[in-house]
Amino acid sequence: MQNPFESGQIKNYLALYAGVVVIMILFFMASTLFNENEDIDKKVFHTTTVKTQNLEEKVTQETNVSAPRFKLLDKAY
């Protein structure tokens, strides 16, 4: 096996490495130049409180919830 330092092949390896680094730098510069920063609107949440329902409405809702949704069979087969 030949020593790349003695045969002059090290120049090719350094040129390849430098080329890769230059391409990476160019892609980084292109991505920062063409990347448009969009202004993001600040989200505003409503801080007003909702009035609670009447007690009668709550009772009717609770009775509706307690009723079974499905009718069971009279006999188990």
C-alpha atoms as a PDB file:
ATOM      1  CA  MET A   1       0.000   0.000   0.000  1.00  0.00           C
ATOM      2  CA  GLN A   2       1.351   3.386  -0.923  1.00  0.00           C
ATOM      3  CA  ASN A   3       1.588   6.280   1.466  1.00  0.00           C
ATOM      4  CA  PRO A   4      -0.752   9.028   0.200  1.00  0.00           C
ATOM      5  CA  PHE A   5       1.565  11.714   1.590  1.00  0.00           C
ATOM      6  CA  GLU A   6       4.459  10.512  -0.548  1.00  0.00           C
ATOM      7  CA  SER A   7       2.526   9.776  -3.752  1.00  0.00           C
ATOM      8  CA  GLY A   8       0.779  13.175  -3.876  1.00  0.00           C
ATOM      9  CA  GLN A   9      -2.762  11.807  -3.470  1.00  0.00           C
ATOM     10  CA  ILE A  10      -3.244  13.798  -0.286  1.00  0.00           C
ATOM     11  CA  LYS A  11      -3.917  16.857  -2.453  1.00  0.00           C
ATOM     12  CA  ASN A  12      -6.952  15.094  -3.925  1.00  0.00           C
ATOM     13  CA  TYR A  13      -8.289  14.223  -0.467  1.00  0.00           C
ATOM     14  CA  LEU A  14      -7.804  17.784   0.771  1.00  0.00           C
ATOM     15  CA  ALA A  15      -9.457  19.168  -2.366  1.00  0.00           C
ATOM     16  CA  LEU A  16     -12.425  16.818  -1.864  1.00  0.00           C
ATOM     17  CA  TYR A  17     -12.750  17.829   1.798  1.00  0.00           C
ATOM     18  CA  ALA A  18     -12.502  21.535   0.927  1.00  0.00           C
ATOM     19  CA  GLY A  19     -15.107  21.111  -1.802  1.00  0.00           C
ATOM     20  CA  VAL A  20     -17.551  19.476   0.608  1.00  0.00           C
ATOM     21  CA  VAL A  21     -17.013  22.247   3.169  1.00  0.00           C
ATOM     22  CA  VAL A  22     -17.550  24.943   0.532  1.00  0.00           C
ATOM     23  CA  ILE A  23     -20.770  23.287  -0.650  1.00  0.00           C
ATOM     24  CA  MET A  24     -22.032  23.090   2.946  1.00  0.00           C
ATOM     25  CA  ILE A  25     -21.260  26.775   3.479  1.00  0.00           C
ATOM     26  CA  LEU A  26     -23.036  27.714   0.244  1.00  0.00           C
ATOM     27  CA  PHE A  27     -26.148  25.745   1.201  1.00  0.00           C
ATOM     28  CA  PHE A  28     -26.157  27.382   4.641  1.00  0.00           C
ATOM     29  CA  MET A  29     -25.874  30.858   3.128  1.00  0.00           C
ATOM     30  CA  ALA A  30     -28.592  30.110   0.576  1.00  0.00           C
ATOM     31  CA  SER A  31     -30.954  28.817   3.246  1.00  0.00           C
ATOM     32  CA  THR A  32     -30.461  31.897   5.422  1.00  0.00           C
ATOM     33  CA  LEU A  33     -30.821  34.354   2.525  1.00  0.00           C
ATOM     34  CA  PHE A  34     -33.956  32.853   0.983  1.00  0.00           C
ATOM     35  CA  ASN A  35     -35.671  31.973   4.256  1.00  0.00           C
ATOM     36  CA  GLU A  36     -38.416  34.538   4.777  1.00  0.00           C
ATOM     37  CA  ASN A  37     -39.435  35.122   8.363  1.00  0.00           C
ATOM     38  CA  GLU A  38     -43.184  35.456   8.602  1.00  0.00           C
ATOM     39  CA  ASP A  39     -44.673  37.651  11.271  1.00  0.00           C
ATOM     40  CA  ILE A  40     -46.739  35.508  13.590  1.00  0.00           C
ATOM     41  CA  ASP A  41     -49.761  37.178  15.136  1.00  0.00           C
ATOM     42  CA  LYS A  42     -49.954  37.049  18.892  1.00  0.00           C
ATOM     43  CA  LYS A  43     -52.830  34.888  20.072  1.00  0.00           C
ATOM     44  CA  VAL A  44     -55.329  36.608  22.306  1.00  0.00           C
ATOM     45  CA  PHE A  45     -57.510  34.532  24.587  1.00  0.00           C
ATOM     46  CA  HIS A  46     -60.860  35.710  25.885  1.00  0.00           C
ATOM     47  CA  THR A  47     -60.610  36.349  29.593  1.00  0.00           C
ATOM     48  CA  THR A  48     -64.301  36.889  30.239  1.00  0.00           C
ATOM     49  CA  THR A  49     -65.984  34.257  32.354  1.00  0.00           C
ATOM     50  CA  VAL A  50     -69.106  32.451  31.235  1.00  0.00           C
ATOM     51  CA  LYS A  51     -72.092  32.625  33.569  1.00  0.00           C
ATOM     52  CA  THR A  52     -73.135  29.306  35.059  1.00  0.00           C
ATOM     53  CA  GLN A  53     -76.409  27.715  34.086  1.00  0.00           C
ATOM     54  CA  ASN A  54     -79.458  27.664  36.296  1.00  0.00           C
ATOM     55  CA  LEU A  55     -79.755  24.926  38.883  1.00  0.00           C
ATOM     56  CA  GLU A  56     -82.807  23.454  37.131  1.00  0.00           C
ATOM     57  CA  GLU A  57     -80.908  23.023  33.874  1.00  0.00           C
ATOM     58  CA  LYS A  58     -78.104  21.254  35.724  1.00  0.00           C
ATOM     59  CA  VAL A  59     -80.540  18.829  37.343  1.00  0.00           C
ATOM     60  CA  THR A  60     -82.154  17.939  34.018  1.00  0.00           C
ATOM     61  CA  GLN A  61     -78.782  17.366  32.438  1.00  0.00           C
ATOM     62  CA  GLU A  62     -77.713  15.095  35.320  1.00  0.00           C
ATOM     63  CA  THR A  63     -80.884  12.991  35.008  1.00  0.00           C
ATOM     64  CA  ASN A  64     -80.321  12.622  31.285  1.00  0.00           C
ATOM     65  CA  VAL A  65     -76.775  11.460  31.887  1.00  0.00           C
ATOM     66  CA  SER A  66     -77.817   8.882  34.475  1.00  0.00           C
ATOM     67  CA  ALA A  67     -80.339   7.252  32.101  1.00  0.00           C
ATOM     68  CA  PRO A  68     -78.857   4.244  30.278  1.00  0.00           C
ATOM     69  CA  ARG A  69     -78.071   4.754  26.637  1.00  0.00           C
ATOM     70  CA  PHE A  70     -78.826   1.144  25.651  1.00  0.00           C
ATOM     71  CA  LYS A  71     -81.735  -1.080  26.591  1.00  0.00           C
ATOM     72  CA  LEU A  72     -80.652  -4.425  27.956  1.00  0.00           C
ATOM     73  CA  LEU A  73     -82.398  -7.675  27.131  1.00  0.00           C
ATOM     74  CA  ASP A  74     -84.892  -9.124  29.614  1.00  0.00           C
ATOM     75  CA  LYS A  75     -83.352 -12.593  29.465  1.00  0.00           C
ATOM     76  CA  ALA A  76     -79.678 -13.555  29.353  1.00  0.00           C
ATOM     77  CA  TYR A  77     -79.103 -16.223  26.716  1.00  0.00           C
END
